[in-house]
Amino acid sequence: MANLSDQDLVAHYINTGSNYYFAQIYTRHHQDVYRKCLFYAGNTADAEDFTQDIFVTLALKLKNYRREAKFTTWLHAITVNYCIDQLRKQKQLRTLQQSYILDSSYTSNRPTVTDEVYFQAFEQVINQLPPKQRDLLMAKYKAGIQINDIALNRDLTPSAVKMQLKRAREYARSLYDKILEKED
């Protein structure tokens, strides 16, 4: 079995319906899918659930696989799309907004403003951030991904990630302050 390509395993699975071939696909790619899920989910429990769901989805979608792209590329696309959909369902913006509001150094000097004003200001900040900074802050504060894992997935050093996070937070805070000043 080790000498069969991914495409061959898929073809055998589609032609025979044998779970043996699907098990070989699962064994080869489980760890890679899990690592990607862990990056997006930020915790092992969700990553395991995501991985299982992805392989169930994969079993249903294998008949649609065309050999135009490498199997690993196709599986990567399924994995990333699934993870992003799950994060959207978890209402990532509300969770991140709450972490900003609860940051005492950020809100201690603020006059009392309703939660709705904070939420609206937060949404404006998120929309105004450059995509790379927004993604980095979401990975760290929404998904709770560790700095070393972010560094590994972005092919950076942990110190580079820390510096990028610091700059992204500072920029977000300056935007947030400007928006709330306009509200007053």
N, C-alpha and C. Protein backbone atom coordinates (compact mmCIF):
# COMPACT_ATOMS: atom_id res chain seq x y z
N MET A 1 0.81 -1.20 0.00
CA MET A 1 0.00 0.00 0.00
C MET A 1 0.85 1.27 0.00
N ALA A 2 2.03 1.19 0.59
CA ALA A 2 2.88 2.37 0.68
C ALA A 2 3.31 2.86 -0.69
N ASN A 3 3.32 1.97 -1.68
CA ASN A 3 3.77 2.38 -3.00
C ASN A 3 2.63 2.95 -3.85
N LEU A 4 1.38 2.90 -3.38
CA LEU A 4 0.27 3.48 -4.11
C LEU A 4 0.23 4.99 -3.85
N SER A 5 -0.02 5.74 -4.89
CA SER A 5 -0.14 7.20 -4.73
C SER A 5 -1.49 7.52 -4.11
N ASP A 6 -1.63 8.76 -3.68
CA ASP A 6 -2.92 9.20 -3.13
C ASP A 6 -4.02 9.04 -4.18
N GLN A 7 -3.71 9.41 -5.42
CA GLN A 7 -4.68 9.31 -6.49
C GLN A 7 -5.10 7.85 -6.71
N ASP A 8 -4.16 6.94 -6.61
CA ASP A 8 -4.48 5.51 -6.76
C ASP A 8 -5.38 5.04 -5.63
N LEU A 9 -5.07 5.44 -4.41
CA LEU A 9 -5.92 5.06 -3.27
C LEU A 9 -7.33 5.59 -3.44
N VAL A 10 -7.44 6.83 -3.89
CA VAL A 10 -8.76 7.42 -4.11
C VAL A 10 -9.50 6.63 -5.18
N ALA A 11 -8.83 6.33 -6.28
CA ALA A 11 -9.46 5.58 -7.36
C ALA A 11 -9.92 4.20 -6.87
N HIS A 12 -9.09 3.50 -6.11
CA HIS A 12 -9.47 2.19 -5.58
C HIS A 12 -10.66 2.31 -4.62
N TYR A 13 -10.65 3.35 -3.81
CA TYR A 13 -11.76 3.54 -2.88
C TYR A 13 -13.06 3.81 -3.64
N ILE A 14 -13.00 4.67 -4.64
CA ILE A 14 -14.20 4.99 -5.42
C ILE A 14 -14.70 3.74 -6.16
N ASN A 15 -13.79 2.99 -6.75
CA ASN A 15 -14.18 1.82 -7.54
C ASN A 15 -14.69 0.66 -6.69
N THR A 16 -14.09 0.46 -5.52
CA THR A 16 -14.46 -0.71 -4.71
C THR A 16 -15.35 -0.37 -3.53
N GLY A 17 -15.29 0.87 -3.07
CA GLY A 17 -16.03 1.24 -1.87
C GLY A 17 -15.44 0.63 -0.61
N SER A 18 -14.24 0.07 -0.73
CA SER A 18 -13.60 -0.60 0.40
C SER A 18 -13.05 0.42 1.39
N ASN A 19 -13.44 0.23 2.64
CA ASN A 19 -12.93 1.11 3.70
C ASN A 19 -11.44 0.95 3.92
N TYR A 20 -10.89 -0.14 3.44
CA TYR A 20 -9.45 -0.38 3.57
C TYR A 20 -8.68 0.75 2.90
N TYR A 21 -9.10 1.15 1.70
CA TYR A 21 -8.40 2.21 0.98
C TYR A 21 -8.60 3.56 1.65
N PHE A 22 -9.81 3.79 2.15
CA PHE A 22 -10.05 5.04 2.86
C PHE A 22 -9.21 5.10 4.13
N ALA A 23 -9.06 3.98 4.80
CA ALA A 23 -8.23 3.93 6.01
C ALA A 23 -6.78 4.29 5.69
N GLN A 24 -6.31 3.89 4.53
CA GLN A 24 -4.95 4.24 4.11
C GLN A 24 -4.83 5.75 3.88
N ILE A 25 -5.84 6.34 3.26
CA ILE A 25 -5.86 7.80 3.05
C ILE A 25 -5.87 8.50 4.40
N TYR A 26 -6.72 8.01 5.30
CA TYR A 26 -6.82 8.59 6.64
C TYR A 26 -5.47 8.52 7.37
N THR A 27 -4.85 7.37 7.32
CA THR A 27 -3.57 7.18 8.01
C THR A 27 -2.50 8.12 7.47
N ARG A 28 -2.47 8.30 6.16
CA ARG A 28 -1.46 9.18 5.55
C ARG A 28 -1.65 10.64 5.89
N HIS A 29 -2.90 11.07 5.99
CA HIS A 29 -3.16 12.52 6.04
C HIS A 29 -3.76 13.01 7.35
N HIS A 30 -4.05 12.11 8.27
CA HIS A 30 -4.68 12.51 9.52
C HIS A 30 -3.87 13.58 10.26
N GLN A 31 -2.57 13.37 10.41
CA GLN A 31 -1.74 14.31 11.18
C GLN A 31 -1.70 15.69 10.55
N ASP A 32 -1.58 15.76 9.24
CA ASP A 32 -1.54 17.07 8.56
C ASP A 32 -2.86 17.82 8.73
N VAL A 33 -3.96 17.10 8.56
CA VAL A 33 -5.27 17.72 8.73
C VAL A 33 -5.44 18.18 10.17
N TYR A 34 -5.05 17.34 11.11
CA TYR A 34 -5.17 17.69 12.53
C TYR A 34 -4.36 18.95 12.84
N ARG A 35 -3.13 19.03 12.34
CA ARG A 35 -2.28 20.21 12.60
C ARG A 35 -2.93 21.48 12.08
N LYS A 36 -3.49 21.40 10.88
CA LYS A 36 -4.17 22.58 10.33
C LYS A 36 -5.39 22.94 11.17
N CYS A 37 -6.14 21.94 11.58
CA CYS A 37 -7.31 22.19 12.42
C CYS A 37 -6.90 22.80 13.77
N LEU A 38 -5.83 22.32 14.33
CA LEU A 38 -5.34 22.85 15.59
C LEU A 38 -4.94 24.32 15.44
N PHE A 39 -4.33 24.64 14.33
CA PHE A 39 -3.96 26.03 14.07
C PHE A 39 -5.21 26.92 14.07
N TYR A 40 -6.26 26.49 13.40
CA TYR A 40 -7.47 27.31 13.31
C TYR A 40 -8.30 27.26 14.59
N ALA A 41 -8.45 26.09 15.17
CA ALA A 41 -9.31 25.94 16.35
C ALA A 41 -8.64 26.46 17.61
N GLY A 42 -7.34 26.24 17.72
CA GLY A 42 -6.62 26.73 18.88
C GLY A 42 -6.71 25.83 20.10
N ASN A 43 -7.44 24.74 20.00
CA ASN A 43 -7.49 23.79 21.11
C ASN A 43 -7.66 22.39 20.57
N THR A 44 -7.20 21.43 21.34
CA THR A 44 -7.15 20.04 20.84
C THR A 44 -8.54 19.43 20.68
N ALA A 45 -9.46 19.77 21.57
CA ALA A 45 -10.80 19.17 21.48
C ALA A 45 -11.49 19.56 20.17
N ASP A 46 -11.49 20.86 19.87
CA ASP A 46 -12.10 21.30 18.61
C ASP A 46 -11.33 20.77 17.41
N ALA A 47 -10.02 20.75 17.50
CA ALA A 47 -9.21 20.26 16.39
C ALA A 47 -9.52 18.80 16.08
N GLU A 48 -9.70 17.99 17.12
CA GLU A 48 -10.06 16.59 16.90
C GLU A 48 -11.44 16.46 16.27
N ASP A 49 -12.40 17.26 16.76
CA ASP A 49 -13.74 17.24 16.17
C ASP A 49 -13.70 17.68 14.70
N PHE A 50 -12.99 18.77 14.44
CA PHE A 50 -12.88 19.27 13.07
C PHE A 50 -12.27 18.19 12.16
N THR A 51 -11.22 17.54 12.65
CA THR A 51 -10.53 16.52 11.85
C THR A 51 -11.48 15.38 11.50
N GLN A 52 -12.22 14.92 12.49
CA GLN A 52 -13.17 13.83 12.22
C GLN A 52 -14.22 14.27 11.22
N ASP A 53 -14.76 15.47 11.39
CA ASP A 53 -15.78 15.98 10.47
C ASP A 53 -15.23 16.11 9.05
N ILE A 54 -13.99 16.54 8.95
CA ILE A 54 -13.38 16.71 7.63
C ILE A 54 -13.24 15.36 6.93
N PHE A 55 -12.85 14.34 7.67
CA PHE A 55 -12.71 13.03 7.03
C PHE A 55 -14.06 12.41 6.68
N VAL A 56 -15.10 12.72 7.45
CA VAL A 56 -16.44 12.28 7.06
C VAL A 56 -16.85 12.99 5.77
N THR A 57 -16.61 14.29 5.73
CA THR A 57 -16.89 15.07 4.52
C THR A 57 -16.08 14.54 3.34
N LEU A 58 -14.83 14.24 3.60
CA LEU A 58 -13.95 13.72 2.55
C LEU A 58 -14.50 12.43 1.96
N ALA A 59 -14.96 11.53 2.82
CA ALA A 59 -15.51 10.26 2.34
C ALA A 59 -16.69 10.49 1.40
N LEU A 60 -17.48 11.53 1.70
CA LEU A 60 -18.63 11.83 0.85
C LEU A 60 -18.23 12.55 -0.44
N LYS A 61 -17.14 13.31 -0.40
CA LYS A 61 -16.74 14.12 -1.55
C LYS A 61 -15.70 13.45 -2.46
N LEU A 62 -15.16 12.33 -2.06
CA LEU A 62 -14.10 11.71 -2.86
C LEU A 62 -14.53 11.41 -4.29
N LYS A 63 -15.78 11.10 -4.47
CA LYS A 63 -16.24 10.81 -5.84
C LYS A 63 -16.18 12.05 -6.74
N ASN A 64 -16.11 13.23 -6.13
CA ASN A 64 -16.01 14.47 -6.90
C ASN A 64 -14.57 14.90 -7.16
N TYR A 65 -13.63 14.17 -6.59
CA TYR A 65 -12.22 14.54 -6.76
C TYR A 65 -11.81 14.31 -8.21
N ARG A 66 -11.25 15.38 -8.79
CA ARG A 66 -10.70 15.31 -10.14
C ARG A 66 -9.19 15.35 -10.02
N ARG A 67 -8.52 14.69 -10.85
CA ARG A 67 -7.07 14.62 -10.76
C ARG A 67 -6.38 15.86 -11.32
N GLU A 68 -7.11 16.95 -11.44
CA GLU A 68 -6.52 18.19 -11.97
C GLU A 68 -5.53 18.79 -10.98
N ALA A 69 -5.81 18.62 -9.70
CA ALA A 69 -4.92 19.13 -8.65
C ALA A 69 -4.39 17.95 -7.85
N LYS A 70 -3.28 18.18 -7.18
CA LYS A 70 -2.77 17.13 -6.29
C LYS A 70 -3.80 16.87 -5.20
N PHE A 71 -3.86 15.64 -4.76
CA PHE A 71 -4.81 15.28 -3.72
C PHE A 71 -4.59 16.10 -2.46
N THR A 72 -3.34 16.31 -2.10
CA THR A 72 -3.04 17.06 -0.87
C THR A 72 -3.50 18.51 -0.98
N THR A 73 -3.43 19.09 -2.17
CA THR A 73 -3.92 20.45 -2.37
C THR A 73 -5.43 20.50 -2.20
N TRP A 74 -6.10 19.53 -2.76
CA TRP A 74 -7.55 19.44 -2.66
C TRP A 74 -7.98 19.24 -1.21
N LEU A 75 -7.30 18.35 -0.50
CA LEU A 75 -7.60 18.09 0.91
C LEU A 75 -7.32 19.34 1.76
N HIS A 76 -6.26 20.04 1.44
CA HIS A 76 -5.95 21.28 2.16
C HIS A 76 -7.09 22.29 2.00
N ALA A 77 -7.61 22.43 0.79
CA ALA A 77 -8.70 23.37 0.55
C ALA A 77 -9.94 22.99 1.35
N ILE A 78 -10.26 21.70 1.37
CA ILE A 78 -11.42 21.24 2.16
C ILE A 78 -11.20 21.55 3.64
N THR A 79 -10.01 21.29 4.12
CA THR A 79 -9.69 21.50 5.54
C THR A 79 -9.80 22.97 5.92
N VAL A 80 -9.16 23.83 5.15
CA VAL A 80 -9.17 25.26 5.47
C VAL A 80 -10.58 25.82 5.39
N ASN A 81 -11.32 25.47 4.35
CA ASN A 81 -12.69 25.97 4.22
C ASN A 81 -13.57 25.51 5.38
N TYR A 82 -13.41 24.28 5.78
CA TYR A 82 -14.20 23.77 6.91
C TYR A 82 -13.86 24.53 8.19
N CYS A 83 -12.60 24.70 8.45
CA CYS A 83 -12.17 25.39 9.68
C CYS A 83 -12.67 26.83 9.71
N ILE A 84 -12.55 27.51 8.59
CA ILE A 84 -13.01 28.90 8.54
C ILE A 84 -14.52 28.97 8.77
N ASP A 85 -15.27 28.06 8.17
CA ASP A 85 -16.71 28.03 8.40
C ASP A 85 -17.03 27.81 9.88
N GLN A 86 -16.29 26.94 10.54
CA GLN A 86 -16.53 26.68 11.95
C GLN A 86 -16.22 27.91 12.80
N LEU A 87 -15.16 28.61 12.46
CA LEU A 87 -14.82 29.81 13.22
C LEU A 87 -15.89 30.89 13.05
N ARG A 88 -16.42 31.00 11.87
CA ARG A 88 -17.51 31.96 11.66
C ARG A 88 -18.70 31.62 12.52
N LYS A 89 -19.00 30.35 12.62
CA LYS A 89 -20.15 29.92 13.41
C LYS A 89 -19.95 30.21 14.89
N GLN A 90 -18.74 30.30 15.34
CA GLN A 90 -18.45 30.56 16.75
C GLN A 90 -18.48 32.04 17.08
N LYS A 91 -18.89 32.83 16.14
CA LYS A 91 -19.03 34.28 16.33
C LYS A 91 -17.76 34.91 16.86
N GLN A 92 -16.73 34.78 16.06
CA GLN A 92 -15.42 35.23 16.46
C GLN A 92 -15.35 36.71 16.81
N LEU A 93 -16.10 37.55 16.15
CA LEU A 93 -16.00 38.97 16.44
C LEU A 93 -16.46 39.32 17.85
N ARG A 94 -17.51 38.66 18.31
CA ARG A 94 -18.00 38.96 19.67
C ARG A 94 -16.98 38.55 20.73
N THR A 95 -16.34 37.43 20.53
CA THR A 95 -15.36 36.97 21.50
C THR A 95 -14.15 37.90 21.54
N LEU A 96 -13.66 38.29 20.38
CA LEU A 96 -12.52 39.19 20.34
C LEU A 96 -12.88 40.55 20.92
N GLN A 97 -14.06 41.03 20.62
CA GLN A 97 -14.50 42.31 21.16
C GLN A 97 -14.53 42.28 22.68
N GLN A 98 -15.00 41.18 23.25
CA GLN A 98 -15.03 41.07 24.70
C GLN A 98 -13.64 41.09 25.31
N SER A 99 -12.67 40.51 24.63
CA SER A 99 -11.31 40.52 25.17
C SER A 99 -10.75 41.94 25.20
N TYR A 100 -11.12 42.77 24.22
CA TYR A 100 -10.67 44.16 24.24
C TYR A 100 -11.35 44.94 25.36
N ILE A 101 -12.63 44.71 25.54
CA ILE A 101 -13.35 45.43 26.58
C ILE A 101 -12.83 45.06 27.95
N LEU A 102 -12.49 43.79 28.14
CA LEU A 102 -12.02 43.33 29.44
C LEU A 102 -10.58 43.68 29.74
N ASP A 103 -9.86 44.15 28.75
CA ASP A 103 -8.47 44.53 28.95
C ASP A 103 -8.45 45.80 29.79
N SER A 104 -8.14 45.68 31.07
CA SER A 104 -8.26 46.80 32.00
C SER A 104 -7.40 47.99 31.62
N SER A 105 -6.24 47.73 31.05
CA SER A 105 -5.39 48.85 30.69
C SER A 105 -5.98 49.63 29.53
N TYR A 106 -6.87 49.01 28.83
CA TYR A 106 -7.45 49.62 27.65
C TYR A 106 -8.72 50.38 27.98
N THR A 107 -9.45 49.95 28.98
CA THR A 107 -10.74 50.55 29.28
C THR A 107 -10.79 51.30 30.60
N SER A 108 -9.73 51.25 31.41
CA SER A 108 -9.80 51.82 32.75
C SER A 108 -10.03 53.33 32.74
N ASN A 109 -9.57 54.04 31.73
CA ASN A 109 -9.72 55.49 31.69
C ASN A 109 -10.94 55.92 30.88
N ARG A 110 -11.73 55.00 30.45
CA ARG A 110 -12.87 55.30 29.60
C ARG A 110 -14.09 55.64 30.45
N PRO A 111 -14.85 56.62 30.00
CA PRO A 111 -16.13 56.85 30.65
C PRO A 111 -17.06 55.67 30.32
N THR A 112 -18.11 55.52 31.11
CA THR A 112 -19.04 54.42 30.89
C THR A 112 -19.78 54.64 29.57
N VAL A 113 -19.67 53.64 28.72
CA VAL A 113 -20.35 53.67 27.44
C VAL A 113 -21.06 52.33 27.31
N THR A 114 -22.19 52.30 26.64
CA THR A 114 -22.92 51.05 26.52
C THR A 114 -22.12 50.02 25.74
N ASP A 115 -22.44 48.75 26.00
CA ASP A 115 -21.76 47.66 25.31
C ASP A 115 -21.95 47.76 23.80
N GLU A 116 -23.09 48.24 23.37
CA GLU A 116 -23.35 48.35 21.94
C GLU A 116 -22.38 49.33 21.28
N VAL A 117 -22.06 50.42 21.94
CA VAL A 117 -21.11 51.39 21.40
C VAL A 117 -19.73 50.74 21.28
N TYR A 118 -19.34 50.00 22.33
CA TYR A 118 -18.05 49.30 22.27
C TYR A 118 -18.03 48.29 21.13
N PHE A 119 -19.11 47.56 20.99
CA PHE A 119 -19.16 46.54 19.95
C PHE A 119 -19.08 47.18 18.57
N GLN A 120 -19.80 48.26 18.36
CA GLN A 120 -19.76 48.95 17.07
C GLN A 120 -18.36 49.50 16.80
N ALA A 121 -17.74 50.06 17.82
CA ALA A 121 -16.38 50.57 17.65
C ALA A 121 -15.43 49.44 17.34
N PHE A 122 -15.61 48.34 18.02
CA PHE A 122 -14.76 47.18 17.76
C PHE A 122 -14.92 46.68 16.33
N GLU A 123 -16.15 46.58 15.85
CA GLU A 123 -16.37 46.13 14.47
C GLU A 123 -15.69 47.08 13.47
N GLN A 124 -15.75 48.37 13.75
CA GLN A 124 -15.08 49.33 12.87
C GLN A 124 -13.57 49.11 12.88
N VAL A 125 -13.02 48.86 14.05
CA VAL A 125 -11.57 48.61 14.16
C VAL A 125 -11.21 47.39 13.34
N ILE A 126 -11.95 46.31 13.51
CA ILE A 126 -11.66 45.06 12.78
C ILE A 126 -11.72 45.31 11.28
N ASN A 127 -12.70 46.06 10.83
CA ASN A 127 -12.84 46.33 9.39
C ASN A 127 -11.73 47.24 8.86
N GLN A 128 -11.16 48.07 9.71
CA GLN A 128 -10.12 49.00 9.26
C GLN A 128 -8.71 48.43 9.36
N LEU A 129 -8.54 47.36 10.10
CA LEU A 129 -7.21 46.76 10.23
C LEU A 129 -6.77 46.13 8.90
N PRO A 130 -5.49 46.21 8.60
CA PRO A 130 -4.98 45.48 7.43
C PRO A 130 -5.22 43.98 7.64
N PRO A 131 -5.51 43.25 6.57
CA PRO A 131 -5.84 41.82 6.70
C PRO A 131 -4.81 41.01 7.49
N LYS A 132 -3.53 41.24 7.29
CA LYS A 132 -2.52 40.46 8.01
C LYS A 132 -2.60 40.71 9.50
N GLN A 133 -2.79 41.96 9.90
CA GLN A 133 -2.91 42.26 11.32
C GLN A 133 -4.19 41.69 11.90
N ARG A 134 -5.28 41.79 11.15
CA ARG A 134 -6.56 41.25 11.61
C ARG A 134 -6.45 39.74 11.82
N ASP A 135 -5.87 39.03 10.84
CA ASP A 135 -5.72 37.58 10.95
C ASP A 135 -4.84 37.19 12.13
N LEU A 136 -3.79 37.95 12.34
CA LEU A 136 -2.88 37.65 13.44
C LEU A 136 -3.58 37.83 14.79
N LEU A 137 -4.30 38.94 14.95
CA LEU A 137 -5.02 39.17 16.21
C LEU A 137 -6.11 38.13 16.43
N MET A 138 -6.79 37.73 15.37
CA MET A 138 -7.84 36.72 15.49
C MET A 138 -7.23 35.38 15.90
N ALA A 139 -6.11 35.03 15.31
CA ALA A 139 -5.47 33.76 15.65
C ALA A 139 -5.06 33.75 17.12
N LYS A 140 -4.48 34.83 17.58
CA LYS A 140 -3.98 34.88 18.95
C LYS A 140 -5.11 35.01 19.98
N TYR A 141 -6.02 35.96 19.76
CA TYR A 141 -6.99 36.28 20.80
C TYR A 141 -8.33 35.59 20.65
N LYS A 142 -8.73 35.28 19.44
CA LYS A 142 -9.99 34.56 19.27
C LYS A 142 -9.76 33.07 19.40
N ALA A 143 -8.84 32.58 18.58
CA ALA A 143 -8.61 31.13 18.56
C ALA A 143 -7.69 30.68 19.69
N GLY A 144 -6.97 31.62 20.30
CA GLY A 144 -6.10 31.27 21.41
C GLY A 144 -4.87 30.47 21.01
N ILE A 145 -4.43 30.66 19.79
CA ILE A 145 -3.29 29.91 19.29
C ILE A 145 -2.01 30.46 19.92
N GLN A 146 -1.15 29.57 20.34
CA GLN A 146 0.10 29.95 20.98
C GLN A 146 1.05 30.62 19.98
N ILE A 147 1.88 31.51 20.48
CA ILE A 147 2.81 32.25 19.63
C ILE A 147 3.72 31.32 18.84
N ASN A 148 4.22 30.28 19.49
CA ASN A 148 5.10 29.34 18.77
C ASN A 148 4.38 28.66 17.61
N ASP A 149 3.10 28.33 17.79
CA ASP A 149 2.32 27.70 16.71
C ASP A 149 2.06 28.69 15.58
N ILE A 150 1.76 29.94 15.93
CA ILE A 150 1.57 30.96 14.90
C ILE A 150 2.87 31.12 14.12
N ALA A 151 4.00 31.18 14.83
CA ALA A 151 5.30 31.34 14.18
C ALA A 151 5.56 30.18 13.22
N LEU A 152 5.28 28.98 13.66
CA LEU A 152 5.50 27.80 12.83
C LEU A 152 4.64 27.84 11.57
N ASN A 153 3.37 28.20 11.71
CA ASN A 153 2.47 28.23 10.57
C ASN A 153 2.73 29.40 9.62
N ARG A 154 3.33 30.46 10.12
CA ARG A 154 3.62 31.62 9.27
C ARG A 154 5.09 31.68 8.85
N ASP A 155 5.84 30.65 9.23
CA ASP A 155 7.25 30.56 8.88
C ASP A 155 8.02 31.78 9.38
N LEU A 156 7.76 32.14 10.66
CA LEU A 156 8.42 33.26 11.32
C LEU A 156 9.05 32.78 12.62
N THR A 157 9.84 33.64 13.22
CA THR A 157 10.35 33.33 14.55
C THR A 157 9.31 33.79 15.57
N PRO A 158 9.30 33.21 16.77
CA PRO A 158 8.37 33.67 17.80
C PRO A 158 8.56 35.16 18.13
N SER A 159 9.78 35.64 18.12
CA SER A 159 9.99 37.06 18.42
C SER A 159 9.40 37.96 17.33
N ALA A 160 9.44 37.51 16.10
CA ALA A 160 8.83 38.28 15.00
C ALA A 160 7.31 38.31 15.17
N VAL A 161 6.73 37.20 15.58
CA VAL A 161 5.29 37.15 15.82
C VAL A 161 4.91 38.08 16.97
N LYS A 162 5.71 38.08 18.04
CA LYS A 162 5.44 38.95 19.18
C LYS A 162 5.48 40.42 18.76
N MET A 163 6.45 40.76 17.94
CA MET A 163 6.56 42.15 17.48
C MET A 163 5.37 42.51 16.60
N GLN A 164 4.98 41.61 15.71
CA GLN A 164 3.83 41.88 14.85
C GLN A 164 2.55 42.01 15.68
N LEU A 165 2.41 41.17 16.69
CA LEU A 165 1.25 41.28 17.59
C LEU A 165 1.24 42.61 18.33
N LYS A 166 2.39 43.02 18.81
CA LYS A 166 2.50 44.29 19.54
C LYS A 166 2.08 45.44 18.63
N ARG A 167 2.59 45.45 17.42
CA ARG A 167 2.25 46.53 16.47
C ARG A 167 0.76 46.49 16.10
N ALA A 168 0.23 45.30 15.91
CA ALA A 168 -1.18 45.17 15.55
C ALA A 168 -2.07 45.66 16.69
N ARG A 169 -1.72 45.30 17.94
CA ARG A 169 -2.50 45.76 19.09
C ARG A 169 -2.44 47.28 19.22
N GLU A 170 -1.24 47.83 19.06
CA GLU A 170 -1.09 49.28 19.18
C GLU A 170 -1.91 50.00 18.12
N TYR A 171 -1.85 49.49 16.90
CA TYR A 171 -2.62 50.11 15.82
C TYR A 171 -4.13 49.98 16.09
N ALA A 172 -4.56 48.80 16.54
CA ALA A 172 -5.98 48.58 16.84
C ALA A 172 -6.43 49.52 17.96
N ARG A 173 -5.58 49.67 18.97
CA ARG A 173 -5.94 50.56 20.08
C ARG A 173 -6.04 52.01 19.63
N SER A 174 -5.14 52.42 18.77
CA SER A 174 -5.22 53.81 18.30
C SER A 174 -6.49 54.02 17.48
N LEU A 175 -6.84 53.06 16.65
CA LEU A 175 -8.10 53.15 15.89
C LEU A 175 -9.29 53.17 16.84
N TYR A 176 -9.26 52.31 17.83
CA TYR A 176 -10.35 52.21 18.79
C TYR A 176 -10.53 53.52 19.55
N ASP A 177 -9.42 54.12 20.00
CA ASP A 177 -9.49 55.40 20.72
C ASP A 177 -10.09 56.49 19.83
N LYS A 178 -9.66 56.55 18.59
CA LYS A 178 -10.18 57.56 17.67
C LYS A 178 -11.68 57.39 17.44
N ILE A 179 -12.11 56.16 17.29
CA ILE A 179 -13.53 55.89 17.06
C ILE A 179 -14.37 56.28 18.29
N LEU A 180 -13.88 55.92 19.46
CA LEU A 180 -14.64 56.26 20.68
C LEU A 180 -14.63 57.75 20.96
N GLU A 181 -13.56 58.45 20.59
CA GLU A 181 -13.52 59.90 20.75
C GLU A 181 -14.59 60.55 19.91
N LYS A 182 -14.80 60.02 18.72
CA LYS A 182 -15.85 60.55 17.85
C LYS A 182 -17.24 60.31 18.44
N GLU A 183 -17.40 59.22 19.21
CA GLU A 183 -18.67 58.90 19.83
C GLU A 183 -19.03 59.85 20.95
N ASP A 184 -17.98 60.36 21.63
CA ASP A 184 -18.21 61.27 22.77
C ASP A 184 -18.65 62.59 22.28
